[in-house]
Amino acid sequence: MIIILVMDIVVVLLIKRSLPISQTAAWLLVPYLAWLLFATYLATGVALLNH
């Protein structure tokens, strides 16, 4: 769980840092962030159900 949460944070920071440089690049990372948050939600659900 720690790894996927770190990935969430890193992608958010990457979007924030790339926004002033290239808005296109930042917006192209948003679907990846959405998928990553969905994967985080699923992994958390599975972990809670198996606990």
Protein backbone atom coordinates (compact mmCIF):
# COMPACT_ATOMS: atom_id res chain seq x y z
CA MET A 1 0.00 0.00 0.00
CA ILE A 2 2.86 2.35 0.74
CA ILE A 3 4.26 2.02 -2.77
CA ILE A 4 0.99 2.82 -4.51
CA LEU A 5 0.39 5.81 -2.20
CA VAL A 6 3.87 7.11 -2.99
CA MET A 7 3.08 6.70 -6.69
CA ASP A 8 -0.10 8.76 -6.22
CA ILE A 9 1.86 11.56 -4.59
CA VAL A 10 4.64 11.47 -7.17
CA VAL A 11 2.21 11.72 -10.09
CA VAL A 12 0.39 14.67 -8.47
CA LEU A 13 3.74 16.41 -7.96
CA LEU A 14 4.75 15.62 -11.53
CA ILE A 15 1.54 17.18 -12.84
CA LYS A 16 2.10 20.29 -10.73
CA ARG A 17 5.72 20.65 -11.87
CA SER A 18 4.98 20.06 -15.55
CA LEU A 19 2.00 22.43 -15.69
CA PRO A 20 4.07 25.64 -16.10
CA ILE A 21 6.32 23.96 -18.67
CA SER A 22 3.72 22.20 -20.81
CA GLN A 23 0.00 22.25 -20.11
CA THR A 24 -0.48 19.49 -22.68
CA ALA A 25 1.90 17.18 -20.85
CA ALA A 26 0.23 17.94 -17.53
CA TRP A 27 -3.25 17.23 -18.90
CA LEU A 28 -2.07 14.00 -20.50
CA LEU A 29 -1.01 12.78 -17.05
CA VAL A 30 -4.49 13.30 -15.58
CA PRO A 31 -5.98 10.05 -16.99
CA TYR A 32 -2.97 8.18 -15.60
CA LEU A 33 -3.62 9.74 -12.19
CA ALA A 34 -7.28 8.74 -12.43
CA TRP A 35 -6.33 5.16 -13.23
CA LEU A 36 -3.78 5.14 -10.42
CA LEU A 37 -6.34 6.42 -7.91
CA PHE A 38 -8.79 3.75 -9.07
CA ALA A 39 -6.09 1.10 -8.64
CA THR A 40 -5.38 2.48 -5.16
CA TYR A 41 -9.07 2.21 -4.31
CA LEU A 42 -9.22 -1.39 -5.55
CA ALA A 43 -6.03 -2.42 -3.77
CA THR A 44 -7.26 -0.88 -0.53
CA GLY A 45 -10.59 -2.68 -0.87
CA VAL A 46 -8.92 -6.01 -1.47
CA ALA A 47 -6.54 -5.47 1.45
CA LEU A 48 -9.40 -4.61 3.79
CA LEU A 49 -11.49 -7.57 2.68
CA ASN A 50 -8.59 -9.98 3.13
CA HIS A 51 -7.57 -8.67 6.51
